[in-house]
N, C-alpha and C. Protein backbone atom coordinates (compact mmCIF):
# COMPACT_ATOMS: atom_id res chain seq x y z
N UNK A 1 47.27 -42.68 -22.95
CA UNK A 1 46.20 -41.73 -23.14
C UNK A 1 46.35 -41.04 -24.47
N UNK A 2 45.25 -40.70 -25.09
CA UNK A 2 45.31 -39.99 -26.36
C UNK A 2 45.57 -38.51 -26.10
N UNK A 3 45.93 -37.79 -27.15
CA UNK A 3 46.21 -36.36 -27.03
C UNK A 3 44.98 -35.58 -26.61
N UNK A 4 43.79 -36.11 -26.97
CA UNK A 4 42.53 -35.45 -26.61
C UNK A 4 42.33 -35.41 -25.10
N UNK A 5 42.57 -36.54 -24.44
CA UNK A 5 42.35 -36.64 -22.99
C UNK A 5 43.33 -35.76 -22.22
N UNK A 6 44.53 -35.59 -22.73
CA UNK A 6 45.54 -34.83 -22.00
C UNK A 6 45.28 -33.33 -22.09
N UNK A 7 44.51 -32.89 -23.12
CA UNK A 7 44.27 -31.46 -23.28
C UNK A 7 43.10 -30.96 -22.43
N UNK A 8 42.38 -31.84 -21.76
CA UNK A 8 41.26 -31.42 -20.92
C UNK A 8 41.81 -30.84 -19.62
N UNK A 9 41.37 -29.63 -19.31
CA UNK A 9 41.84 -28.94 -18.10
C UNK A 9 41.06 -29.42 -16.89
N UNK A 10 41.59 -29.22 -15.70
CA UNK A 10 40.84 -29.58 -14.48
C UNK A 10 39.51 -28.84 -14.39
N UNK A 11 39.48 -27.59 -14.86
CA UNK A 11 38.23 -26.83 -14.83
C UNK A 11 37.19 -27.48 -15.73
N UNK A 12 37.62 -27.95 -16.91
CA UNK A 12 36.70 -28.60 -17.83
C UNK A 12 36.19 -29.91 -17.24
N UNK A 13 37.06 -30.64 -16.55
CA UNK A 13 36.64 -31.89 -15.90
C UNK A 13 35.57 -31.62 -14.85
N UNK A 14 35.78 -30.55 -14.03
CA UNK A 14 34.80 -30.19 -13.01
C UNK A 14 33.48 -29.77 -13.66
N UNK A 15 33.59 -29.01 -14.74
CA UNK A 15 32.37 -28.55 -15.43
C UNK A 15 31.60 -29.74 -16.00
N UNK A 16 32.32 -30.69 -16.60
CA UNK A 16 31.66 -31.89 -17.15
C UNK A 16 31.02 -32.71 -16.04
N UNK A 17 31.72 -32.86 -14.92
CA UNK A 17 31.17 -33.62 -13.79
C UNK A 17 29.92 -32.93 -13.25
N UNK A 18 29.95 -31.59 -13.15
CA UNK A 18 28.78 -30.85 -12.68
C UNK A 18 27.62 -31.01 -13.64
N UNK A 19 27.90 -30.96 -14.94
CA UNK A 19 26.83 -31.14 -15.94
C UNK A 19 26.20 -32.53 -15.80
N UNK A 20 27.01 -33.54 -15.54
CA UNK A 20 26.46 -34.89 -15.35
C UNK A 20 25.59 -34.94 -14.09
N UNK A 21 26.06 -34.29 -13.02
CA UNK A 21 25.25 -34.26 -11.79
C UNK A 21 23.93 -33.55 -12.03
N UNK A 22 23.97 -32.46 -12.80
CA UNK A 22 22.74 -31.72 -13.07
C UNK A 22 21.76 -32.55 -13.90
N UNK A 23 22.27 -33.23 -14.90
CA UNK A 23 21.37 -34.06 -15.73
C UNK A 23 20.78 -35.22 -14.92
N UNK A 24 21.60 -35.81 -14.04
CA UNK A 24 21.09 -36.88 -13.19
C UNK A 24 20.03 -36.33 -12.23
N UNK A 25 20.27 -35.15 -11.69
CA UNK A 25 19.30 -34.52 -10.78
C UNK A 25 18.01 -34.19 -11.53
N UNK A 26 18.13 -33.74 -12.77
CA UNK A 26 16.94 -33.45 -13.58
C UNK A 26 16.13 -34.71 -13.80
N UNK A 27 16.81 -35.81 -14.10
CA UNK A 27 16.11 -37.08 -14.30
C UNK A 27 15.41 -37.52 -13.01
N UNK A 28 16.07 -37.34 -11.86
CA UNK A 28 15.44 -37.72 -10.58
C UNK A 28 14.21 -36.86 -10.31
N UNK A 29 14.33 -35.55 -10.56
CA UNK A 29 13.18 -34.66 -10.33
C UNK A 29 12.01 -35.05 -11.22
N UNK A 30 12.28 -35.34 -12.47
CA UNK A 30 11.21 -35.72 -13.38
C UNK A 30 10.55 -37.02 -12.95
N UNK A 31 11.36 -37.97 -12.50
CA UNK A 31 10.81 -39.25 -12.07
C UNK A 31 9.99 -39.10 -10.80
N UNK A 32 10.43 -38.22 -9.92
CA UNK A 32 9.77 -38.08 -8.62
C UNK A 32 8.57 -37.15 -8.67
N UNK A 33 8.69 -36.02 -9.34
CA UNK A 33 7.66 -34.98 -9.23
C UNK A 33 7.07 -34.57 -10.57
N UNK A 34 7.57 -35.06 -11.67
CA UNK A 34 7.08 -34.59 -12.96
C UNK A 34 7.51 -33.15 -13.17
N UNK A 35 6.80 -32.41 -13.99
CA UNK A 35 7.19 -31.03 -14.29
C UNK A 35 6.58 -30.03 -13.32
N UNK A 36 5.84 -30.52 -12.33
CA UNK A 36 5.13 -29.61 -11.43
C UNK A 36 6.09 -28.69 -10.67
N UNK A 37 7.24 -29.20 -10.26
CA UNK A 37 8.14 -28.39 -9.44
C UNK A 37 9.49 -28.20 -10.12
N UNK A 38 9.52 -28.23 -11.43
CA UNK A 38 10.77 -28.01 -12.13
C UNK A 38 11.13 -26.54 -12.08
N UNK A 39 12.30 -26.27 -11.56
CA UNK A 39 12.83 -24.92 -11.55
C UNK A 39 14.33 -25.03 -11.40
N UNK A 40 15.02 -23.96 -11.72
CA UNK A 40 16.46 -23.96 -11.58
C UNK A 40 16.84 -24.13 -10.11
N UNK A 41 16.07 -23.51 -9.22
CA UNK A 41 16.36 -23.63 -7.78
C UNK A 41 16.20 -25.08 -7.31
N UNK A 42 15.13 -25.74 -7.75
CA UNK A 42 14.91 -27.14 -7.36
C UNK A 42 16.02 -28.02 -7.94
N UNK A 43 16.42 -27.75 -9.17
CA UNK A 43 17.49 -28.52 -9.79
C UNK A 43 18.80 -28.31 -9.04
N UNK A 44 19.08 -27.07 -8.68
CA UNK A 44 20.32 -26.77 -7.95
C UNK A 44 20.34 -27.48 -6.60
N UNK A 45 19.21 -27.47 -5.88
CA UNK A 45 19.14 -28.17 -4.60
C UNK A 45 19.36 -29.67 -4.78
N UNK A 46 18.70 -30.23 -5.77
CA UNK A 46 18.78 -31.67 -6.00
C UNK A 46 20.20 -32.09 -6.37
N UNK A 47 20.90 -31.26 -7.15
CA UNK A 47 22.24 -31.61 -7.60
C UNK A 47 23.32 -31.16 -6.63
N UNK A 48 22.96 -30.31 -5.67
CA UNK A 48 23.96 -29.78 -4.73
C UNK A 48 24.89 -28.79 -5.41
N UNK A 49 24.34 -28.00 -6.31
CA UNK A 49 25.11 -27.03 -7.09
C UNK A 49 24.48 -25.66 -6.88
N UNK A 50 25.29 -24.63 -6.89
CA UNK A 50 24.76 -23.28 -6.75
C UNK A 50 24.00 -22.85 -7.99
N UNK A 51 22.92 -22.11 -7.80
CA UNK A 51 22.13 -21.63 -8.94
C UNK A 51 22.96 -20.78 -9.88
N UNK A 52 23.83 -19.95 -9.31
CA UNK A 52 24.64 -19.07 -10.14
C UNK A 52 25.49 -19.88 -11.11
N UNK A 53 26.05 -20.99 -10.65
CA UNK A 53 26.86 -21.84 -11.54
C UNK A 53 26.03 -22.37 -12.69
N UNK A 54 24.77 -22.69 -12.42
CA UNK A 54 23.90 -23.19 -13.48
C UNK A 54 23.64 -22.08 -14.50
N UNK A 55 23.33 -20.89 -14.01
CA UNK A 55 23.03 -19.78 -14.92
C UNK A 55 24.26 -19.37 -15.74
N UNK A 56 25.44 -19.42 -15.13
CA UNK A 56 26.64 -18.94 -15.81
C UNK A 56 27.26 -19.99 -16.72
N UNK A 57 27.38 -21.22 -16.23
CA UNK A 57 28.17 -22.21 -16.96
C UNK A 57 27.37 -23.37 -17.54
N UNK A 58 26.10 -23.48 -17.21
CA UNK A 58 25.34 -24.64 -17.65
C UNK A 58 23.99 -24.23 -18.25
N UNK A 59 24.02 -23.28 -19.14
CA UNK A 59 22.79 -22.83 -19.80
C UNK A 59 22.15 -23.95 -20.61
N UNK A 60 22.97 -24.88 -21.10
CA UNK A 60 22.42 -25.99 -21.87
C UNK A 60 21.51 -26.86 -21.00
N UNK A 61 21.84 -26.98 -19.72
CA UNK A 61 21.00 -27.75 -18.81
C UNK A 61 19.69 -27.01 -18.56
N UNK A 62 19.75 -25.68 -18.48
CA UNK A 62 18.53 -24.88 -18.32
C UNK A 62 17.64 -25.08 -19.55
N UNK A 63 18.25 -25.09 -20.73
CA UNK A 63 17.48 -25.31 -21.95
C UNK A 63 16.81 -26.68 -21.92
N UNK A 64 17.52 -27.70 -21.45
CA UNK A 64 16.93 -29.04 -21.32
C UNK A 64 15.77 -29.03 -20.33
N UNK A 65 15.97 -28.34 -19.22
CA UNK A 65 14.92 -28.26 -18.19
C UNK A 65 13.67 -27.61 -18.78
N UNK A 66 13.84 -26.50 -19.50
CA UNK A 66 12.69 -25.80 -20.08
C UNK A 66 12.02 -26.65 -21.16
N UNK A 67 12.83 -27.32 -21.97
CA UNK A 67 12.26 -28.15 -23.02
C UNK A 67 11.49 -29.32 -22.42
N UNK A 68 12.05 -29.95 -21.41
CA UNK A 68 11.38 -31.07 -20.75
C UNK A 68 10.09 -30.61 -20.10
N UNK A 69 10.14 -29.46 -19.44
CA UNK A 69 8.94 -28.95 -18.76
C UNK A 69 7.85 -28.62 -19.78
N UNK A 70 8.22 -28.03 -20.91
CA UNK A 70 7.19 -27.65 -21.89
C UNK A 70 6.58 -28.87 -22.56
N UNK A 71 7.34 -29.96 -22.70
CA UNK A 71 6.79 -31.18 -23.31
C UNK A 71 5.84 -31.90 -22.36
N UNK A 72 6.02 -31.71 -21.07
CA UNK A 72 5.19 -32.43 -20.12
C UNK A 72 3.93 -31.68 -19.71
N UNK A 73 3.81 -30.42 -20.09
CA UNK A 73 2.62 -29.65 -19.72
C UNK A 73 1.52 -29.94 -20.73
N UNK A 74 0.34 -30.27 -20.22
CA UNK A 74 -0.81 -30.51 -21.08
C UNK A 74 -1.59 -29.20 -21.16
N UNK A 75 -1.30 -28.43 -22.21
CA UNK A 75 -1.90 -27.10 -22.33
C UNK A 75 -3.41 -27.19 -22.55
N UNK A 76 -3.88 -28.29 -23.12
CA UNK A 76 -5.32 -28.44 -23.35
C UNK A 76 -6.07 -28.59 -22.03
N UNK A 77 -5.39 -29.06 -20.98
CA UNK A 77 -6.04 -29.26 -19.70
C UNK A 77 -6.18 -27.97 -18.90
N UNK A 78 -5.50 -26.91 -19.32
CA UNK A 78 -5.58 -25.64 -18.60
C UNK A 78 -6.91 -24.98 -18.95
N UNK A 79 -7.73 -24.69 -17.93
CA UNK A 79 -9.05 -24.11 -18.22
C UNK A 79 -8.91 -22.69 -18.74
N UNK A 80 -9.75 -22.36 -19.68
CA UNK A 80 -9.77 -21.01 -20.24
C UNK A 80 -10.72 -20.17 -19.39
N UNK A 81 -10.29 -18.95 -19.10
CA UNK A 81 -11.13 -18.06 -18.31
C UNK A 81 -12.24 -17.50 -19.19
N UNK A 82 -13.43 -17.52 -18.66
CA UNK A 82 -14.56 -16.95 -19.39
C UNK A 82 -14.49 -15.43 -19.30
N UNK A 83 -14.76 -14.74 -20.40
CA UNK A 83 -14.71 -13.27 -20.34
C UNK A 83 -15.81 -12.74 -19.42
N UNK A 84 -15.47 -11.71 -18.67
CA UNK A 84 -16.42 -11.09 -17.75
C UNK A 84 -17.39 -10.23 -18.56
N UNK A 85 -18.71 -10.49 -18.43
CA UNK A 85 -19.66 -9.69 -19.21
C UNK A 85 -19.68 -8.23 -18.78
N UNK A 86 -19.24 -7.94 -17.58
CA UNK A 86 -19.24 -6.56 -17.09
C UNK A 86 -17.84 -5.95 -17.16
N UNK A 87 -17.08 -6.30 -18.17
CA UNK A 87 -15.70 -5.82 -18.22
C UNK A 87 -15.64 -4.31 -18.37
N UNK A 88 -16.64 -3.69 -18.95
CA UNK A 88 -16.66 -2.22 -19.03
C UNK A 88 -16.76 -1.61 -17.64
N UNK A 89 -17.61 -2.19 -16.81
CA UNK A 89 -17.76 -1.69 -15.44
C UNK A 89 -16.48 -1.93 -14.64
N UNK A 90 -15.88 -3.10 -14.84
CA UNK A 90 -14.63 -3.41 -14.14
C UNK A 90 -13.54 -2.45 -14.58
N UNK A 91 -13.45 -2.19 -15.88
CA UNK A 91 -12.44 -1.26 -16.39
C UNK A 91 -12.66 0.14 -15.84
N UNK A 92 -13.92 0.57 -15.77
CA UNK A 92 -14.22 1.90 -15.23
C UNK A 92 -13.84 1.99 -13.76
N UNK A 93 -14.13 0.93 -12.99
CA UNK A 93 -13.76 0.91 -11.57
C UNK A 93 -12.25 0.94 -11.41
N UNK A 94 -11.54 0.21 -12.26
CA UNK A 94 -10.08 0.22 -12.18
C UNK A 94 -9.51 1.59 -12.54
N UNK A 95 -10.08 2.26 -13.54
CA UNK A 95 -9.64 3.62 -13.88
C UNK A 95 -9.87 4.56 -12.70
N UNK A 96 -11.00 4.44 -12.04
CA UNK A 96 -11.30 5.28 -10.87
C UNK A 96 -10.31 4.98 -9.74
N UNK A 97 -10.01 3.72 -9.57
CA UNK A 97 -9.05 3.34 -8.53
C UNK A 97 -7.66 3.92 -8.84
N UNK A 98 -7.26 3.89 -10.10
CA UNK A 98 -5.98 4.48 -10.51
C UNK A 98 -5.99 5.98 -10.24
N UNK A 99 -7.11 6.65 -10.55
CA UNK A 99 -7.22 8.08 -10.30
C UNK A 99 -7.07 8.40 -8.81
N UNK A 100 -7.78 7.61 -7.97
CA UNK A 100 -7.69 7.82 -6.51
C UNK A 100 -6.27 7.59 -6.01
N UNK A 101 -5.63 6.56 -6.50
CA UNK A 101 -4.26 6.26 -6.08
C UNK A 101 -3.30 7.35 -6.53
N UNK A 102 -3.49 7.90 -7.74
CA UNK A 102 -2.64 8.99 -8.22
C UNK A 102 -2.81 10.23 -7.36
N UNK A 103 -4.07 10.51 -6.96
CA UNK A 103 -4.33 11.65 -6.08
C UNK A 103 -3.65 11.46 -4.73
N UNK A 104 -3.79 10.27 -4.17
CA UNK A 104 -3.16 9.97 -2.87
C UNK A 104 -1.64 10.05 -3.00
N UNK A 105 -1.11 9.56 -4.10
CA UNK A 105 0.33 9.61 -4.33
C UNK A 105 0.81 11.06 -4.38
N UNK A 106 0.07 11.92 -5.07
CA UNK A 106 0.44 13.33 -5.14
C UNK A 106 0.38 13.98 -3.76
N UNK A 107 -0.64 13.64 -2.99
CA UNK A 107 -0.77 14.18 -1.63
C UNK A 107 0.42 13.75 -0.76
N UNK A 108 0.79 12.49 -0.85
CA UNK A 108 1.92 11.99 -0.06
C UNK A 108 3.23 12.61 -0.51
N UNK A 109 3.38 12.81 -1.82
CA UNK A 109 4.58 13.45 -2.33
C UNK A 109 4.70 14.87 -1.81
N UNK A 110 3.59 15.60 -1.78
CA UNK A 110 3.58 16.97 -1.24
C UNK A 110 3.98 16.98 0.23
N UNK A 111 3.43 16.02 1.00
CA UNK A 111 3.78 15.94 2.43
C UNK A 111 5.26 15.64 2.60
N UNK A 112 5.81 14.76 1.77
CA UNK A 112 7.23 14.42 1.86
C UNK A 112 8.10 15.63 1.53
N UNK A 113 7.72 16.39 0.51
CA UNK A 113 8.47 17.59 0.15
C UNK A 113 8.41 18.63 1.27
N UNK A 114 7.22 18.82 1.86
CA UNK A 114 7.08 19.76 2.97
C UNK A 114 7.93 19.32 4.16
N UNK A 115 7.95 18.02 4.43
CA UNK A 115 8.76 17.52 5.54
C UNK A 115 10.25 17.73 5.27
N UNK A 116 10.68 17.54 4.04
CA UNK A 116 12.09 17.77 3.71
C UNK A 116 12.46 19.24 3.89
N UNK A 117 11.56 20.15 3.48
CA UNK A 117 11.82 21.57 3.68
C UNK A 117 11.90 21.92 5.16
N UNK A 118 11.00 21.33 5.95
CA UNK A 118 11.02 21.59 7.39
C UNK A 118 12.31 21.07 8.01
N UNK A 119 12.75 19.92 7.56
CA UNK A 119 14.01 19.37 8.08
C UNK A 119 15.18 20.28 7.73
N UNK A 120 15.21 20.80 6.50
CA UNK A 120 16.28 21.72 6.10
C UNK A 120 16.28 22.96 6.97
N UNK A 121 15.07 23.52 7.25
CA UNK A 121 15.00 24.71 8.11
C UNK A 121 15.49 24.39 9.52
N UNK A 122 15.09 23.26 10.04
CA UNK A 122 15.51 22.86 11.39
C UNK A 122 17.01 22.63 11.44
N UNK A 123 17.57 22.00 10.41
CA UNK A 123 19.02 21.77 10.40
C UNK A 123 19.79 23.07 10.33
N UNK A 124 19.30 24.03 9.51
CA UNK A 124 19.97 25.34 9.45
C UNK A 124 19.91 26.04 10.81
N UNK A 125 18.74 25.99 11.45
CA UNK A 125 18.59 26.62 12.77
C UNK A 125 19.47 25.94 13.81
N UNK A 126 19.55 24.60 13.76
CA UNK A 126 20.40 23.88 14.71
C UNK A 126 21.86 24.23 14.49
N UNK A 127 22.29 24.37 13.24
CA UNK A 127 23.68 24.74 12.96
C UNK A 127 23.97 26.15 13.47
N UNK A 128 23.02 27.06 13.31
CA UNK A 128 23.20 28.43 13.79
C UNK A 128 23.30 28.45 15.32
N UNK A 129 22.41 27.70 15.99
CA UNK A 129 22.45 27.64 17.45
C UNK A 129 23.73 26.98 17.95
N UNK A 130 24.20 25.97 17.23
CA UNK A 130 25.44 25.29 17.61
C UNK A 130 26.62 26.26 17.49
N UNK A 131 26.63 27.06 16.45
CA UNK A 131 27.71 28.06 16.28
C UNK A 131 27.66 29.09 17.39
N UNK A 132 26.46 29.54 17.74
CA UNK A 132 26.32 30.50 18.84
C UNK A 132 26.80 29.90 20.15
N UNK A 133 26.46 28.65 20.40
CA UNK A 133 26.88 27.98 21.63
C UNK A 133 28.39 27.84 21.69
N UNK A 134 29.01 27.48 20.57
CA UNK A 134 30.48 27.37 20.55
C UNK A 134 31.11 28.73 20.83
N UNK A 135 30.51 29.77 20.26
CA UNK A 135 31.05 31.12 20.49
C UNK A 135 30.93 31.50 21.96
N UNK A 136 29.84 31.15 22.61
CA UNK A 136 29.65 31.48 24.02
C UNK A 136 30.58 30.68 24.92
N UNK A 137 30.94 29.50 24.52
CA UNK A 137 31.80 28.64 25.34
C UNK A 137 33.29 28.92 25.12
N UNK A 138 33.62 29.62 24.07
CA UNK A 138 35.04 29.86 23.80
C UNK A 138 35.58 30.87 24.81
N UNK A 139 36.88 30.75 25.13
CA UNK A 139 37.44 31.68 26.12
C UNK A 139 37.50 33.12 25.57
N UNK A 140 37.34 34.05 26.48
CA UNK A 140 37.36 35.46 26.11
C UNK A 140 38.71 36.03 26.52
N UNK A 141 39.40 36.61 25.55
CA UNK A 141 40.70 37.23 25.85
C UNK A 141 40.49 38.73 26.03
N UNK A 142 40.96 39.22 27.17
CA UNK A 142 40.87 40.65 27.43
C UNK A 142 42.16 41.28 26.97
N UNK A 143 42.07 42.25 26.11
CA UNK A 143 43.26 42.89 25.57
C UNK A 143 43.79 43.93 26.57
N UNK A 144 45.09 43.98 26.68
CA UNK A 144 45.72 44.98 27.52
C UNK A 144 45.84 44.56 28.97
N UNK A 145 45.39 43.43 29.36
CA UNK A 145 45.55 43.01 30.74
C UNK A 145 46.43 41.79 30.77
N UNK A 146 47.10 41.62 31.82
CA UNK A 146 47.96 40.44 31.99
C UNK A 146 47.27 39.51 32.96
N UNK A 147 47.46 38.25 32.75
CA UNK A 147 46.84 37.30 33.66
C UNK A 147 47.41 37.46 35.06
N UNK A 148 46.58 37.27 36.07
CA UNK A 148 47.01 37.39 37.46
C UNK A 148 47.68 36.09 37.85
N UNK A 149 48.86 36.22 38.41
CA UNK A 149 49.59 35.03 38.85
C UNK A 149 49.08 34.63 40.20
N UNK A 150 48.84 33.40 40.38
CA UNK A 150 48.35 32.89 41.66
C UNK A 150 49.53 32.43 42.50
N UNK A 151 49.45 32.72 43.72
CA UNK A 151 50.48 32.25 44.63
C UNK A 151 50.14 30.83 45.08
N UNK A 152 51.14 29.99 45.01
CA UNK A 152 50.88 28.62 45.38
C UNK A 152 51.22 28.35 46.79
């Protein structure tokens, strides 16, 4: 063996083997489905590799996946949306909707704050009542008297 082969660590061998599996899985996905379902998750499933491993140690494969996907997309075939002639009316309706939602949000925030204050008052009252109950249940010592001995 040459000195080059002996310096490869077991981790590097595993990483190289995983990269080969990923590239083979990418080729299978492209042959089977084209770029329609290309994703890191689909590639990970196809190769039997965790997505995290792809993101952390195989960014070059992600770059290949993105490059392959972008070359296969026919951007000219994507229909262009026609501008809405009533976009002013749509924008005005959306502004009104935002205003209504902001008002409702403020109302709900006020109710939440009121509820928190009520809970604080109830908790303080419950703590006070609990202290009173403990005081009532505690034994009362009478000063100056001796306990009566019971005859058995």
